[in-house]
Amino acid sequence: MSLLRSIARRLALTKFGQKSLTKPDGLSILKQKPDTRVYVGLVLTAMSFLIGLPALAFLSYLSVKLSKPMTIAVGGPVVILLVHIMFGVGVYLAGQNYAANVLQWATKRFLKKYA
């Protein structure tokens, strides 16, 4: 318990801690209608899940059918990389505003409880 209090005291001295304490309560951003950027991010995130596994299965099929193992050896990591980039961009677009507000809200609750 003393470790949490120590962390809370140090956090309360930072600019972020001060800003979190002075910000009004609530997560009002969750009550607002999401803009187009959020929807694009959610679509990209969903597409990354829907594309990844079928693309790897297709590359595996081609590799076996054509008897060329380099198809999956080279294409597999490329597909995985592209899917991860798509997922990362989707999360960035969908959650950028929300992440900052939720982090400030959680920091304020933590500081009120332990500081």
C-alpha atoms as a PDB file:
ATOM      1  CA  MET A   1       0.000   0.000   0.000  1.00  0.00           C
ATOM      2  CA  SER A   2       2.857   2.376   0.760  1.00  0.00           C
ATOM      3  CA  LEU A   3       4.275   1.769  -2.721  1.00  0.00           C
ATOM      4  CA  LEU A   4       1.005   2.921  -4.311  1.00  0.00           C
ATOM      5  CA  ARG A   5       0.929   6.004  -2.086  1.00  0.00           C
ATOM      6  CA  SER A   6       4.519   6.808  -3.010  1.00  0.00           C
ATOM      7  CA  ILE A   7       3.739   6.489  -6.722  1.00  0.00           C
ATOM      8  CA  ALA A   8       0.622   8.626  -6.297  1.00  0.00           C
ATOM      9  CA  ARG A   9       2.531  11.391  -4.502  1.00  0.00           C
ATOM     10  CA  ARG A  10       5.169  11.529  -7.240  1.00  0.00           C
ATOM     11  CA  LEU A  11       2.548  11.422  -9.978  1.00  0.00           C
ATOM     12  CA  ALA A  12       0.633  14.267  -8.328  1.00  0.00           C
ATOM     13  CA  LEU A  13       3.703  16.487  -8.702  1.00  0.00           C
ATOM     14  CA  THR A  14       3.921  16.044 -12.481  1.00  0.00           C
ATOM     15  CA  LYS A  15       2.199  18.258 -15.047  1.00  0.00           C
ATOM     16  CA  PHE A  16       0.081  15.309 -16.178  1.00  0.00           C
ATOM     17  CA  GLY A  17      -1.016  14.591 -12.614  1.00  0.00           C
ATOM     18  CA  GLN A  18      -1.913  18.244 -12.028  1.00  0.00           C
ATOM     19  CA  LYS A  19      -3.842  18.395 -15.296  1.00  0.00           C
ATOM     20  CA  SER A  20      -5.698  15.188 -14.439  1.00  0.00           C
ATOM     21  CA  LEU A  21      -6.728  16.522 -11.042  1.00  0.00           C
ATOM     22  CA  THR A  22      -8.044  19.818 -12.423  1.00  0.00           C
ATOM     23  CA  LYS A  23      -9.975  18.245 -15.308  1.00  0.00           C
ATOM     24  CA  PRO A  24     -13.722  17.897 -14.665  1.00  0.00           C
ATOM     25  CA  ASP A  25     -15.070  14.456 -13.793  1.00  0.00           C
ATOM     26  CA  GLY A  26     -16.569  12.075 -16.295  1.00  0.00           C
ATOM     27  CA  LEU A  27     -15.832  10.610 -19.652  1.00  0.00           C
ATOM     28  CA  SER A  28     -17.865  13.030 -21.734  1.00  0.00           C
ATOM     29  CA  ILE A  29     -16.044  11.993 -24.913  1.00  0.00           C
ATOM     30  CA  LEU A  30     -17.833   8.633 -24.755  1.00  0.00           C
ATOM     31  CA  LYS A  31     -21.192  10.424 -24.944  1.00  0.00           C
ATOM     32  CA  GLN A  32     -20.313  12.252 -28.160  1.00  0.00           C
ATOM     33  CA  LYS A  33     -21.106  10.849 -31.585  1.00  0.00           C
ATOM     34  CA  PRO A  34     -17.944   9.328 -33.115  1.00  0.00           C
ATOM     35  CA  ASP A  35     -16.578  11.055 -36.189  1.00  0.00           C
ATOM     36  CA  THR A  36     -15.612   9.447 -39.491  1.00  0.00           C
ATOM     37  CA  ARG A  37     -12.031   8.908 -38.348  1.00  0.00           C
ATOM     38  CA  VAL A  38     -13.186   6.530 -35.607  1.00  0.00           C
ATOM     39  CA  TYR A  39     -15.309   4.520 -38.027  1.00  0.00           C
ATOM     40  CA  VAL A  40     -12.424   4.241 -40.517  1.00  0.00           C
ATOM     41  CA  GLY A  41     -10.178   3.017 -37.700  1.00  0.00           C
ATOM     42  CA  LEU A  42     -12.710   0.397 -36.617  1.00  0.00           C
ATOM     43  CA  VAL A  43     -13.107  -0.831 -40.202  1.00  0.00           C
ATOM     44  CA  LEU A  44      -9.320  -1.105 -40.626  1.00  0.00           C
ATOM     45  CA  THR A  45      -9.027  -3.021 -37.361  1.00  0.00           C
ATOM     46  CA  ALA A  46     -11.797  -5.439 -38.347  1.00  0.00           C
ATOM     47  CA  MET A  47     -10.349  -5.898 -41.832  1.00  0.00           C
ATOM     48  CA  SER A  48      -6.948  -6.765 -40.382  1.00  0.00           C
ATOM     49  CA  PHE A  49      -8.565  -9.674 -38.529  1.00  0.00           C
ATOM     50  CA  LEU A  50     -10.599 -10.776 -41.528  1.00  0.00           C
ATOM     51  CA  ILE A  51      -7.719 -10.641 -44.013  1.00  0.00           C
ATOM     52  CA  GLY A  52      -4.832 -12.135 -42.020  1.00  0.00           C
ATOM     53  CA  LEU A  53      -5.663 -15.786 -41.532  1.00  0.00           C
ATOM     54  CA  PRO A  54      -7.330 -16.398 -44.910  1.00  0.00           C
ATOM     55  CA  ALA A  55      -4.366 -14.795 -46.698  1.00  0.00           C
ATOM     56  CA  LEU A  56      -1.945 -17.087 -44.872  1.00  0.00           C
ATOM     57  CA  ALA A  57      -4.120 -20.098 -45.646  1.00  0.00           C
ATOM     58  CA  PHE A  58      -4.195 -19.120 -49.321  1.00  0.00           C
ATOM     59  CA  LEU A  59      -0.412 -18.682 -49.413  1.00  0.00           C
ATOM     60  CA  SER A  60       0.007 -22.092 -47.778  1.00  0.00           C
ATOM     61  CA  TYR A  61      -2.289 -23.629 -50.368  1.00  0.00           C
ATOM     62  CA  LEU A  62      -0.350 -22.006 -53.210  1.00  0.00           C
ATOM     63  CA  SER A  63       2.935 -23.119 -51.704  1.00  0.00           C
ATOM     64  CA  VAL A  64       1.812 -26.746 -51.593  1.00  0.00           C
ATOM     65  CA  LYS A  65       0.018 -26.675 -54.957  1.00  0.00           C
ATOM     66  CA  LEU A  66       2.933 -25.088 -56.826  1.00  0.00           C
ATOM     67  CA  SER A  67       5.575 -27.019 -54.837  1.00  0.00           C
ATOM     68  CA  LYS A  68       7.356 -23.774 -54.045  1.00  0.00           C
ATOM     69  CA  PRO A  69       7.916 -23.428 -50.292  1.00  0.00           C
ATOM     70  CA  MET A  70       9.396 -19.969 -50.742  1.00  0.00           C
ATOM     71  CA  THR A  71       5.891 -18.687 -51.461  1.00  0.00           C
ATOM     72  CA  ILE A  72       4.894 -19.082 -47.819  1.00  0.00           C
ATOM     73  CA  ALA A  73       8.420 -18.422 -46.522  1.00  0.00           C
ATOM     74  CA  VAL A  74       8.505 -14.966 -48.103  1.00  0.00           C
ATOM     75  CA  GLY A  75       4.807 -14.179 -48.444  1.00  0.00           C
ATOM     76  CA  GLY A  76       3.853 -15.210 -44.898  1.00  0.00           C
ATOM     77  CA  PRO A  77       5.932 -12.604 -43.075  1.00  0.00           C
ATOM     78  CA  VAL A  78       4.902  -9.951 -45.621  1.00  0.00           C
ATOM     79  CA  VAL A  79       1.212 -10.700 -45.003  1.00  0.00           C
ATOM     80  CA  ILE A  80       1.745 -10.670 -41.225  1.00  0.00           C
ATOM     81  CA  LEU A  81       3.572  -7.344 -41.467  1.00  0.00           C
ATOM     82  CA  LEU A  82       0.842  -5.750 -43.591  1.00  0.00           C
ATOM     83  CA  VAL A  83      -1.895  -7.017 -41.274  1.00  0.00           C
ATOM     84  CA  HIS A  84      -0.080  -5.651 -38.237  1.00  0.00           C
ATOM     85  CA  ILE A  85       0.406  -2.272 -39.908  1.00  0.00           C
ATOM     86  CA  MET A  86      -3.290  -2.187 -40.817  1.00  0.00           C
ATOM     87  CA  PHE A  87      -4.242  -3.067 -37.244  1.00  0.00           C
ATOM     88  CA  GLY A  88      -1.921  -0.430 -35.786  1.00  0.00           C
ATOM     89  CA  VAL A  89      -3.238   2.324 -38.050  1.00  0.00           C
ATOM     90  CA  GLY A  90      -6.812   1.273 -37.243  1.00  0.00           C
ATOM     91  CA  VAL A  91      -6.204   1.387 -33.502  1.00  0.00           C
ATOM     92  CA  TYR A  92      -4.460   4.744 -33.841  1.00  0.00           C
ATOM     93  CA  LEU A  93      -7.343   6.241 -35.808  1.00  0.00           C
ATOM     94  CA  ALA A  94     -10.092   4.732 -33.665  1.00  0.00           C
ATOM     95  CA  GLY A  95      -8.688   5.284 -30.212  1.00  0.00           C
ATOM     96  CA  GLN A  96      -6.411   8.287 -30.217  1.00  0.00           C
ATOM     97  CA  ASN A  97      -8.798  10.698 -28.489  1.00  0.00           C
ATOM     98  CA  TYR A  98     -10.324   8.061 -26.263  1.00  0.00           C
ATOM     99  CA  ALA A  99      -7.032   6.736 -24.915  1.00  0.00           C
ATOM    100  CA  ALA A 100      -5.864  10.124 -23.655  1.00  0.00           C
ATOM    101  CA  ASN A 101      -9.170  10.884 -21.940  1.00  0.00           C
ATOM    102  CA  VAL A 102      -9.466   7.468 -20.324  1.00  0.00           C
ATOM    103  CA  LEU A 103      -5.848   7.679 -19.100  1.00  0.00           C
ATOM    104  CA  GLN A 104      -6.498  11.077 -17.506  1.00  0.00           C
ATOM    105  CA  TRP A 105      -9.707   9.799 -15.910  1.00  0.00           C
ATOM    106  CA  ALA A 106      -7.931   6.721 -14.509  1.00  0.00           C
ATOM    107  CA  THR A 107      -5.051   8.867 -13.242  1.00  0.00           C
ATOM    108  CA  LYS A 108      -7.476  11.195 -11.460  1.00  0.00           C
ATOM    109  CA  ARG A 109      -9.226   8.258  -9.783  1.00  0.00           C
ATOM    110  CA  PHE A 110      -5.869   6.765  -8.753  1.00  0.00           C
ATOM    111  CA  LEU A 111      -4.635  10.057  -7.314  1.00  0.00           C
ATOM    112  CA  LYS A 112      -7.858  10.701  -5.408  1.00  0.00           C
ATOM    113  CA  LYS A 113      -7.668   7.252  -3.850  1.00  0.00           C
ATOM    114  CA  TYR A 114      -3.976   7.109  -2.925  1.00  0.00           C
ATOM    115  CA  ALA A 115      -2.607  10.660  -2.774  1.00  0.00           C
END
